[in-house]
Amino acid sequence: YQIIEELGKGGMGKVYKAIDKEIDARVALKLIKPEIATDKKTIERFRNELKTARDISHKNVCRMYDLNKEEESYYITMEYVSGEDLKSFIRRA
């Protein structure tokens, strides 16, 4: 993956806009915080949720792709959706 820019951060970690270089496609990549990534039960829960989420296909739901590990870091890849983030939208409303 090639990281393009940081999109935001939250309790789970940071989210980046990235390019999947294998298929030349934009994705959102969520890098999970190290303190969360070291909890095996949490990672197993992510795996189970991802299996369920992969089966969901709806225009109002972001598609989940994979949970991967690079060295000691876990990350989740998902559909990249362009537009304004919710926090900015609420501030503007």
PDB file of N, CA and C in Angstrom:
ATOM      1  N   TYR A   1       0.841  -1.193   0.000  1.00  0.00           N
ATOM      2  CA  TYR A   1       0.000   0.000   0.000  1.00  0.00           C
ATOM      3  C   TYR A   1       0.876   1.242   0.000  1.00  0.00           C
ATOM      4  N   GLN A   2       0.400   2.261  -0.678  1.00  0.00           N
ATOM      5  CA  GLN A   2       1.070   3.557  -0.656  1.00  0.00           C
ATOM      6  C   GLN A   2       0.149   4.521   0.081  1.00  0.00           C
ATOM      7  N   ILE A   3       0.638   5.079   1.182  1.00  0.00           N
ATOM      8  CA  ILE A   3      -0.147   6.028   1.968  1.00  0.00           C
ATOM      9  C   ILE A   3      -0.153   7.373   1.252  1.00  0.00           C
ATOM     10  N   ILE A   4      -1.348   7.943   1.073  1.00  0.00           N
ATOM     11  CA  ILE A   4      -1.496   9.233   0.395  1.00  0.00           C
ATOM     12  C   ILE A   4      -1.617  10.360   1.414  1.00  0.00           C
ATOM     13  N   GLU A   5      -2.534  10.194   2.371  1.00  0.00           N
ATOM     14  CA  GLU A   5      -2.732  11.230   3.384  1.00  0.00           C
ATOM     15  C   GLU A   5      -3.499  10.668   4.573  1.00  0.00           C
ATOM     16  N   GLU A   6      -3.330  11.334   5.716  1.00  0.00           N
ATOM     17  CA  GLU A   6      -4.104  10.965   6.900  1.00  0.00           C
ATOM     18  C   GLU A   6      -5.498  11.560   6.773  1.00  0.00           C
ATOM     19  N   LEU A   7      -6.509  10.740   7.035  1.00  0.00           N
ATOM     20  CA  LEU A   7      -7.895  11.204   6.968  1.00  0.00           C
ATOM     21  C   LEU A   7      -8.450  11.559   8.338  1.00  0.00           C
ATOM     22  N   GLY A   8      -7.968  10.889   9.372  1.00  0.00           N
ATOM     23  CA  GLY A   8      -8.479  11.157  10.710  1.00  0.00           C
ATOM     24  C   GLY A   8      -7.919  10.176  11.718  1.00  0.00           C
ATOM     25  N   LYS A   9      -8.263  10.419  12.978  1.00  0.00           N
ATOM     26  CA  LYS A   9      -7.835   9.502  14.031  1.00  0.00           C
ATOM     27  C   LYS A   9      -8.908   9.422  15.089  1.00  0.00           C
ATOM     28  N   GLY A  10      -8.904   8.318  15.801  1.00  0.00           N
ATOM     29  CA  GLY A  10      -9.904   8.093  16.835  1.00  0.00           C
ATOM     30  C   GLY A  10      -9.399   7.112  17.867  1.00  0.00           C
ATOM     31  N   GLY A  11     -10.318   6.529  18.592  1.00  0.00           N
ATOM     32  CA  GLY A  11      -9.969   5.628  19.674  1.00  0.00           C
ATOM     33  C   GLY A  11      -9.263   4.364  19.234  1.00  0.00           C
ATOM     34  N   MET A  12      -9.492   3.932  18.006  1.00  0.00           N
ATOM     35  CA  MET A  12      -8.893   2.692  17.499  1.00  0.00           C
ATOM     36  C   MET A  12      -7.535   2.918  16.845  1.00  0.00           C
ATOM     37  N   GLY A  13      -7.334   4.111  16.306  1.00  0.00           N
ATOM     38  CA  GLY A  13      -6.092   4.378  15.597  1.00  0.00           C
ATOM     39  C   GLY A  13      -6.284   5.480  14.573  1.00  0.00           C
ATOM     40  N   LYS A  14      -5.435   5.472  13.561  1.00  0.00           N
ATOM     41  CA  LYS A  14      -5.488   6.479  12.501  1.00  0.00           C
ATOM     42  C   LYS A  14      -5.985   5.849  11.208  1.00  0.00           C
ATOM     43  N   VAL A  15      -6.665   6.678  10.407  1.00  0.00           N
ATOM     44  CA  VAL A  15      -7.170   6.228   9.107  1.00  0.00           C
ATOM     45  C   VAL A  15      -6.486   7.042   8.018  1.00  0.00           C
ATOM     46  N   TYR A  16      -6.034   6.333   7.001  1.00  0.00           N
ATOM     47  CA  TYR A  16      -5.322   6.959   5.899  1.00  0.00           C
ATOM     48  C   TYR A  16      -6.008   6.653   4.571  1.00  0.00           C
ATOM     49  N   LYS A  17      -5.903   7.593   3.658  1.00  0.00           N
ATOM     50  CA  LYS A  17      -6.241   7.324   2.262  1.00  0.00           C
ATOM     51  C   LYS A  17      -4.994   6.666   1.679  1.00  0.00           C
ATOM     52  N   ALA A  18      -5.175   5.548   0.979  1.00  0.00           N
ATOM     53  CA  ALA A  18      -4.032   4.809   0.450  1.00  0.00           C
ATOM     54  C   ALA A  18      -4.367   4.238  -0.924  1.00  0.00           C
ATOM     55  N   ILE A  19      -3.325   3.802  -1.604  1.00  0.00           N
ATOM     56  CA  ILE A  19      -3.472   3.120  -2.885  1.00  0.00           C
ATOM     57  C   ILE A  19      -3.025   1.674  -2.693  1.00  0.00           C
ATOM     58  N   ASP A  20      -3.895   0.747  -3.081  1.00  0.00           N
ATOM     59  CA  ASP A  20      -3.516  -0.664  -3.114  1.00  0.00           C
ATOM     60  C   ASP A  20      -2.727  -0.842  -4.404  1.00  0.00           C
ATOM     61  N   LYS A  21      -1.415  -0.993  -4.294  1.00  0.00           N
ATOM     62  CA  LYS A  21      -0.555  -1.035  -5.477  1.00  0.00           C
ATOM     63  C   LYS A  21      -0.730  -2.312  -6.296  1.00  0.00           C
ATOM     64  N   GLU A  22      -1.266  -3.360  -5.688  1.00  0.00           N
ATOM     65  CA  GLU A  22      -1.506  -4.609  -6.422  1.00  0.00           C
ATOM     66  C   GLU A  22      -2.591  -4.437  -7.484  1.00  0.00           C
ATOM     67  N   ILE A  23      -3.636  -3.674  -7.141  1.00  0.00           N
ATOM     68  CA  ILE A  23      -4.766  -3.526  -8.069  1.00  0.00           C
ATOM     69  C   ILE A  23      -5.016  -2.076  -8.475  1.00  0.00           C
ATOM     70  N   ASP A  24      -4.119  -1.167  -8.054  1.00  0.00           N
ATOM     71  CA  ASP A  24      -4.212   0.255  -8.390  1.00  0.00           C
ATOM     72  C   ASP A  24      -5.587   0.829  -8.033  1.00  0.00           C
ATOM     73  N   ALA A  25      -5.970   0.641  -6.759  1.00  0.00           N
ATOM     74  CA  ALA A  25      -7.277   1.118  -6.296  1.00  0.00           C
ATOM     75  C   ALA A  25      -7.119   1.907  -5.002  1.00  0.00           C
ATOM     76  N   ARG A  26      -7.953   2.945  -4.850  1.00  0.00           N
ATOM     77  CA  ARG A  26      -7.961   3.714  -3.602  1.00  0.00           C
ATOM     78  C   ARG A  26      -8.661   2.908  -2.517  1.00  0.00           C
ATOM     79  N   VAL A  27      -8.097   2.951  -1.318  1.00  0.00           N
ATOM     80  CA  VAL A  27      -8.698   2.299  -0.154  1.00  0.00           C
ATOM     81  C   VAL A  27      -8.517   3.213   1.047  1.00  0.00           C
ATOM     82  N   ALA A  28      -9.281   2.941   2.085  1.00  0.00           N
ATOM     83  CA  ALA A  28      -9.027   3.549   3.387  1.00  0.00           C
ATOM     84  C   ALA A  28      -8.289   2.490   4.192  1.00  0.00           C
ATOM     85  N   LEU A  29      -7.243   2.895   4.878  1.00  0.00           N
ATOM     86  CA  LEU A  29      -6.430   1.976   5.655  1.00  0.00           C
ATOM     87  C   LEU A  29      -6.426   2.454   7.100  1.00  0.00           C
ATOM     88  N   LYS A  30      -6.956   1.630   7.990  1.00  0.00           N
ATOM     89  CA  LYS A  30      -7.006   1.982   9.411  1.00  0.00           C
ATOM     90  C   LYS A  30      -5.872   1.266  10.123  1.00  0.00           C
ATOM     91  N   LEU A  31      -4.902   2.038  10.607  1.00  0.00           N
ATOM     92  CA  LEU A  31      -3.777   1.494  11.364  1.00  0.00           C
ATOM     93  C   LEU A  31      -4.185   1.436  12.834  1.00  0.00           C
ATOM     94  N   ILE A  32      -4.260   0.238  13.368  1.00  0.00           N
ATOM     95  CA  ILE A  32      -4.743   0.037  14.733  1.00  0.00           C
ATOM     96  C   ILE A  32      -3.645   0.391  15.729  1.00  0.00           C
ATOM     97  N   LYS A  33      -4.019   1.116  16.776  1.00  0.00           N
ATOM     98  CA  LYS A  33      -3.064   1.525  17.805  1.00  0.00           C
ATOM     99  C   LYS A  33      -2.323   0.308  18.356  1.00  0.00           C
ATOM    100  N   PRO A  34      -1.019   0.454  18.636  1.00  0.00           N
ATOM    101  CA  PRO A  34      -0.234  -0.677  19.149  1.00  0.00           C
ATOM    102  C   PRO A  34      -0.808  -1.299  20.419  1.00  0.00           C
ATOM    103  N   GLU A  35      -1.325  -0.478  21.329  1.00  0.00           N
ATOM    104  CA  GLU A  35      -1.853  -1.020  22.582  1.00  0.00           C
ATOM    105  C   GLU A  35      -3.107  -1.864  22.355  1.00  0.00           C
ATOM    106  N   ILE A  36      -3.808  -1.615  21.264  1.00  0.00           N
ATOM    107  CA  ILE A  36      -4.974  -2.428  20.911  1.00  0.00           C
ATOM    108  C   ILE A  36      -4.520  -3.659  20.128  1.00  0.00           C
ATOM    109  N   ALA A  37      -3.543  -3.462  19.250  1.00  0.00           N
ATOM    110  CA  ALA A  37      -3.069  -4.543  18.382  1.00  0.00           C
ATOM    111  C   ALA A  37      -2.405  -5.679  19.153  1.00  0.00           C
ATOM    112  N   THR A  38      -1.930  -5.423  20.355  1.00  0.00           N
ATOM    113  CA  THR A  38      -1.276  -6.477  21.136  1.00  0.00           C
ATOM    114  C   THR A  38      -2.266  -7.322  21.924  1.00  0.00           C
ATOM    115  N   ASP A  39      -3.527  -6.927  21.929  1.00  0.00           N
ATOM    116  CA  ASP A  39      -4.561  -7.683  22.641  1.00  0.00           C
ATOM    117  C   ASP A  39      -5.133  -8.748  21.701  1.00  0.00           C
ATOM    118  N   LYS A  40      -4.755  -9.991  21.922  1.00  0.00           N
ATOM    119  CA  LYS A  40      -5.152 -11.080  21.022  1.00  0.00           C
ATOM    120  C   LYS A  40      -6.663 -11.263  20.940  1.00  0.00           C
ATOM    121  N   LYS A  41      -7.364 -11.054  22.043  1.00  0.00           N
ATOM    122  CA  LYS A  41      -8.826 -11.190  22.031  1.00  0.00           C
ATOM    123  C   LYS A  41      -9.463 -10.126  21.141  1.00  0.00           C
ATOM    124  N   THR A  42      -8.931  -8.916  21.202  1.00  0.00           N
ATOM    125  CA  THR A  42      -9.458  -7.829  20.374  1.00  0.00           C
ATOM    126  C   THR A  42      -9.218  -8.115  18.895  1.00  0.00           C
ATOM    127  N   ILE A  43      -8.035  -8.582  18.553  1.00  0.00           N
ATOM    128  CA  ILE A  43      -7.721  -8.898  17.159  1.00  0.00           C
ATOM    129  C   ILE A  43      -8.619 -10.026  16.657  1.00  0.00           C
ATOM    130  N   GLU A  44      -8.868 -11.018  17.499  1.00  0.00           N
ATOM    131  CA  GLU A  44      -9.764 -12.110  17.106  1.00  0.00           C
ATOM    132  C   GLU A  44     -11.188 -11.588  16.881  1.00  0.00           C
ATOM    133  N   ARG A  45     -11.617 -10.645  17.726  1.00  0.00           N
ATOM    134  CA  ARG A  45     -12.938 -10.032  17.547  1.00  0.00           C
ATOM    135  C   ARG A  45     -13.003  -9.281  16.216  1.00  0.00           C
ATOM    136  N   PHE A  46     -11.929  -8.546  15.874  1.00  0.00           N
ATOM    137  CA  PHE A  46     -11.867  -7.855  14.583  1.00  0.00           C
ATOM    138  C   PHE A  46     -12.010  -8.853  13.437  1.00  0.00           C
ATOM    139  N   ARG A  47     -11.310  -9.973  13.527  1.00  0.00           N
ATOM    140  CA  ARG A  47     -11.386 -10.994  12.472  1.00  0.00           C
ATOM    141  C   ARG A  47     -12.819 -11.489  12.300  1.00  0.00           C
ATOM    142  N   ASN A  48     -13.472 -11.780  13.409  1.00  0.00           N
ATOM    143  CA  ASN A  48     -14.852 -12.272  13.349  1.00  0.00           C
ATOM    144  C   ASN A  48     -15.799 -11.225  12.781  1.00  0.00           C
ATOM    145  N   GLU A  49     -15.637  -9.974  13.194  1.00  0.00           N
ATOM    146  CA  GLU A  49     -16.479  -8.890  12.682  1.00  0.00           C
ATOM    147  C   GLU A  49     -16.240  -8.671  11.192  1.00  0.00           C
ATOM    148  N   LEU A  50     -14.989  -8.797  10.775  1.00  0.00           N
ATOM    149  CA  LEU A  50     -14.658  -8.625   9.363  1.00  0.00           C
ATOM    150  C   LEU A  50     -15.326  -9.705   8.514  1.00  0.00           C
ATOM    151  N   LYS A  51     -15.333 -10.929   9.000  1.00  0.00           N
ATOM    152  CA  LYS A  51     -15.993 -12.017   8.268  1.00  0.00           C
ATOM    153  C   LYS A  51     -17.465 -11.697   8.038  1.00  0.00           C
ATOM    154  N   THR A  52     -18.114 -11.150   9.048  1.00  0.00           N
ATOM    155  CA  THR A  52     -19.522 -10.769   8.923  1.00  0.00           C
ATOM    156  C   THR A  52     -19.676  -9.558   8.008  1.00  0.00           C
ATOM    157  N   ALA A  53     -18.817  -8.561   8.195  1.00  0.00           N
ATOM    158  CA  ALA A  53     -18.913  -7.314   7.431  1.00  0.00           C
ATOM    159  C   ALA A  53     -18.693  -7.533   5.938  1.00  0.00           C
ATOM    160  N   ARG A  54     -17.879  -8.493   5.574  1.00  0.00           N
ATOM    161  CA  ARG A  54     -17.625  -8.762   4.151  1.00  0.00           C
ATOM    162  C   ARG A  54     -18.891  -9.156   3.403  1.00  0.00           C
ATOM    163  N   ASP A  55     -19.838  -9.726   4.117  1.00  0.00           N
ATOM    164  CA  ASP A  55     -21.083 -10.171   3.488  1.00  0.00           C
ATOM    165  C   ASP A  55     -22.100  -9.048   3.303  1.00  0.00           C
ATOM    166  N   ILE A  56     -21.822  -7.886   3.879  1.00  0.00           N
ATOM    167  CA  ILE A  56     -22.759  -6.767   3.797  1.00  0.00           C
ATOM    168  C   ILE A  56     -22.453  -5.937   2.557  1.00  0.00           C
ATOM    169  N   SER A  57     -23.458  -5.714   1.761  1.00  0.00           N
ATOM    170  CA  SER A  57     -23.322  -4.878   0.575  1.00  0.00           C
ATOM    171  C   SER A  57     -24.532  -3.952   0.518  1.00  0.00           C
ATOM    172  N   HIS A  58     -24.291  -2.688   0.823  1.00  0.00           N
ATOM    173  CA  HIS A  58     -25.364  -1.697   0.833  1.00  0.00           C
ATOM    174  C   HIS A  58     -24.759  -0.345   0.488  1.00  0.00           C
ATOM    175  N   LYS A  59     -25.496   0.477  -0.230  1.00  0.00           N
ATOM    176  CA  LYS A  59     -24.974   1.771  -0.671  1.00  0.00           C
ATOM    177  C   LYS A  59     -24.618   2.701   0.486  1.00  0.00           C
ATOM    178  N   ASN A  60     -25.177   2.486   1.667  1.00  0.00           N
ATOM    179  CA  ASN A  60     -24.893   3.346   2.819  1.00  0.00           C
ATOM    180  C   ASN A  60     -23.910   2.735   3.810  1.00  0.00           C
ATOM    181  N   VAL A  61     -23.271   1.639   3.428  1.00  0.00           N
ATOM    182  CA  VAL A  61     -22.320   0.967   4.314  1.00  0.00           C
ATOM    183  C   VAL A  61     -20.986   0.815   3.594  1.00  0.00           C
ATOM    184  N   CYS A  62     -19.931   1.239   4.250  1.00  0.00           N
ATOM    185  CA  CYS A  62     -18.578   1.128   3.716  1.00  0.00           C
ATOM    186  C   CYS A  62     -18.150  -0.344   3.694  1.00  0.00           C
ATOM    187  N   ARG A  63     -17.642  -0.808   2.569  1.00  0.00           N
ATOM    188  CA  ARG A  63     -17.194  -2.208   2.447  1.00  0.00           C
ATOM    189  C   ARG A  63     -15.890  -2.429   3.203  1.00  0.00           C
ATOM    190  N   MET A  64     -15.809  -3.530   3.915  1.00  0.00           N
ATOM    191  CA  MET A  64     -14.594  -3.924   4.620  1.00  0.00           C
ATOM    192  C   MET A  64     -13.888  -4.965   3.751  1.00  0.00           C
ATOM    193  N   TYR A  65     -12.543  -4.883   3.687  1.00  0.00           N
ATOM    194  CA  TYR A  65     -11.804  -5.825   2.852  1.00  0.00           C
ATOM    195  C   TYR A  65     -10.998  -6.827   3.674  1.00  0.00           C
ATOM    196  N   ASP A  66      -9.990  -6.351   4.389  1.00  0.00           N
ATOM    197  CA  ASP A  66      -9.078  -7.273   5.069  1.00  0.00           C
ATOM    198  C   ASP A  66      -8.548  -6.726   6.384  1.00  0.00           C
ATOM    199  N   LEU A  67      -8.121  -7.651   7.226  1.00  0.00           N
ATOM    200  CA  LEU A  67      -7.335  -7.351   8.420  1.00  0.00           C
ATOM    201  C   LEU A  67      -5.968  -7.955   8.150  1.00  0.00           C
ATOM    202  N   ASN A  68      -4.943  -7.120   8.158  1.00  0.00           N
ATOM    203  CA  ASN A  68      -3.589  -7.565   7.826  1.00  0.00           C
ATOM    204  C   ASN A  68      -2.619  -7.212   8.942  1.00  0.00           C
ATOM    205  N   LYS A  69      -1.463  -7.862   8.902  1.00  0.00           N
ATOM    206  CA  LYS A  69      -0.415  -7.584   9.884  1.00  0.00           C
ATOM    207  C   LYS A  69       0.893  -7.348   9.143  1.00  0.00           C
ATOM    208  N   GLU A  70       1.564  -6.282   9.507  1.00  0.00           N
ATOM    209  CA  GLU A  70       2.881  -5.954   8.971  1.00  0.00           C
ATOM    210  C   GLU A  70       3.796  -5.757  10.166  1.00  0.00           C
ATOM    211  N   GLU A  71       4.764  -6.645  10.320  1.00  0.00           N
ATOM    212  CA  GLU A  71       5.605  -6.690  11.514  1.00  0.00           C
ATOM    213  C   GLU A  71       4.700  -6.834  12.731  1.00  0.00           C
ATOM    214  N   GLU A  72       4.665  -5.868  13.632  1.00  0.00           N
ATOM    215  CA  GLU A  72       3.804  -5.966  14.820  1.00  0.00           C
ATOM    216  C   GLU A  72       2.569  -5.073  14.724  1.00  0.00           C
ATOM    217  N   SER A  73       2.333  -4.498  13.551  1.00  0.00           N
ATOM    218  CA  SER A  73       1.210  -3.579  13.372  1.00  0.00           C
ATOM    219  C   SER A  73       0.079  -4.245  12.595  1.00  0.00           C
ATOM    220  N   TYR A  74      -1.144  -4.071  13.095  1.00  0.00           N
ATOM    221  CA  TYR A  74      -2.332  -4.551  12.393  1.00  0.00           C
ATOM    222  C   TYR A  74      -3.011  -3.370  11.712  1.00  0.00           C
ATOM    223  N   TYR A  75      -3.590  -3.639  10.555  1.00  0.00           N
ATOM    224  CA  TYR A  75      -4.360  -2.614   9.863  1.00  0.00           C
ATOM    225  C   TYR A  75      -5.535  -3.260   9.146  1.00  0.00           C
ATOM    226  N   ILE A  76      -6.575  -2.454   8.969  1.00  0.00           N
ATOM    227  CA  ILE A  76      -7.786  -2.890   8.286  1.00  0.00           C
ATOM    228  C   ILE A  76      -7.904  -2.085   7.001  1.00  0.00           C
ATOM    229  N   THR A  77      -8.186  -2.764   5.905  1.00  0.00           N
ATOM    230  CA  THR A  77      -8.436  -2.053   4.655  1.00  0.00           C
ATOM    231  C   THR A  77      -9.929  -2.093   4.369  1.00  0.00           C
ATOM    232  N   MET A  78     -10.408  -0.977   3.854  1.00  0.00           N
ATOM    233  CA  MET A  78     -11.838  -0.842   3.579  1.00  0.00           C
ATOM    234  C   MET A  78     -12.051   0.089   2.398  1.00  0.00           C
ATOM    235  N   GLU A  79     -13.270   0.127   1.949  1.00  0.00           N
ATOM    236  CA  GLU A  79     -13.649   0.999   0.843  1.00  0.00           C
ATOM    237  C   GLU A  79     -13.349   2.455   1.204  1.00  0.00           C
ATOM    238  N   TYR A  80     -12.734   3.158   0.260  1.00  0.00           N
ATOM    239  CA  TYR A  80     -12.503   4.592   0.446  1.00  0.00           C
ATOM    240  C   TYR A  80     -13.715   5.343  -0.096  1.00  0.00           C
ATOM    241  N   VAL A  81     -14.274   6.204   0.728  1.00  0.00           N
ATOM    242  CA  VAL A  81     -15.417   7.021   0.324  1.00  0.00           C
ATOM    243  C   VAL A  81     -15.003   8.478   0.462  1.00  0.00           C
ATOM    244  N   SER A  82     -14.991   9.204  -0.636  1.00  0.00           N
ATOM    245  CA  SER A  82     -14.590  10.609  -0.584  1.00  0.00           C
ATOM    246  C   SER A  82     -15.724  11.461  -0.034  1.00  0.00           C
ATOM    247  N   GLY A  83     -15.362  12.614   0.470  1.00  0.00           N
ATOM    248  CA  GLY A  83     -16.372  13.534   0.978  1.00  0.00           C
ATOM    249  C   GLY A  83     -15.996  14.081   2.341  1.00  0.00           C
ATOM    250  N   GLU A  84     -16.913  14.800   2.896  1.00  0.00           N
ATOM    251  CA  GLU A  84     -16.705  15.475   4.174  1.00  0.00           C
ATOM    252  C   GLU A  84     -16.876  14.493   5.332  1.00  0.00           C
ATOM    253  N   ASP A  85     -16.000  14.614   6.343  1.00  0.00           N
ATOM    254  CA  ASP A  85     -16.156  13.747   7.506  1.00  0.00           C
ATOM    255  C   ASP A  85     -17.298  14.255   8.380  1.00  0.00           C
ATOM    256  N   LEU A  86     -17.846  13.381   9.204  1.00  0.00           N
ATOM    257  CA  LEU A  86     -19.023  13.694  10.019  1.00  0.00           C
ATOM    258  C   LEU A  86     -18.765  14.848  10.979  1.00  0.00           C
ATOM    259  N   LYS A  87     -17.586  14.879  11.583  1.00  0.00           N
ATOM    260  CA  LYS A  87     -17.258  15.943  12.541  1.00  0.00           C
ATOM    261  C   LYS A  87     -17.347  17.322  11.875  1.00  0.00           C
ATOM    262  N   SER A  88     -16.781  17.455  10.695  1.00  0.00           N
ATOM    263  CA  SER A  88     -16.838  18.728   9.962  1.00  0.00           C
ATOM    264  C   SER A  88     -18.263  19.078   9.563  1.00  0.00           C
ATOM    265  N   PHE A  89     -19.011  18.082   9.137  1.00  0.00           N
ATOM    266  CA  PHE A  89     -20.399  18.293   8.742  1.00  0.00           C
ATOM    267  C   PHE A  89     -21.223  18.827   9.913  1.00  0.00           C
ATOM    268  N   ILE A  90     -21.055  18.233  11.084  1.00  0.00           N
ATOM    269  CA  ILE A  90     -21.806  18.659  12.271  1.00  0.00           C
ATOM    270  C   ILE A  90     -21.422  20.079  12.668  1.00  0.00           C
ATOM    271  N   ARG A  91     -20.130  20.390  12.634  1.00  0.00           N
ATOM    272  CA  ARG A  91     -19.686  21.751  12.967  1.00  0.00           C
ATOM    273  C   ARG A  91     -20.297  22.778  12.023  1.00  0.00           C
ATOM    274  N   ARG A  92     -20.412  22.417  10.769  1.00  0.00           N
ATOM    275  CA  ARG A  92     -20.921  23.322   9.750  1.00  0.00           C
ATOM    276  C   ARG A  92     -22.439  23.467   9.818  1.00  0.00           C
ATOM    277  N   ALA A  93     -23.124  22.455  10.307  1.00  0.00           N
ATOM    278  CA  ALA A  93     -24.598  22.435  10.310  1.00  0.00           C
ATOM    279  C   ALA A  93     -25.201  23.414  11.294  1.00  0.00           C
TER     280      ALA A  93
END
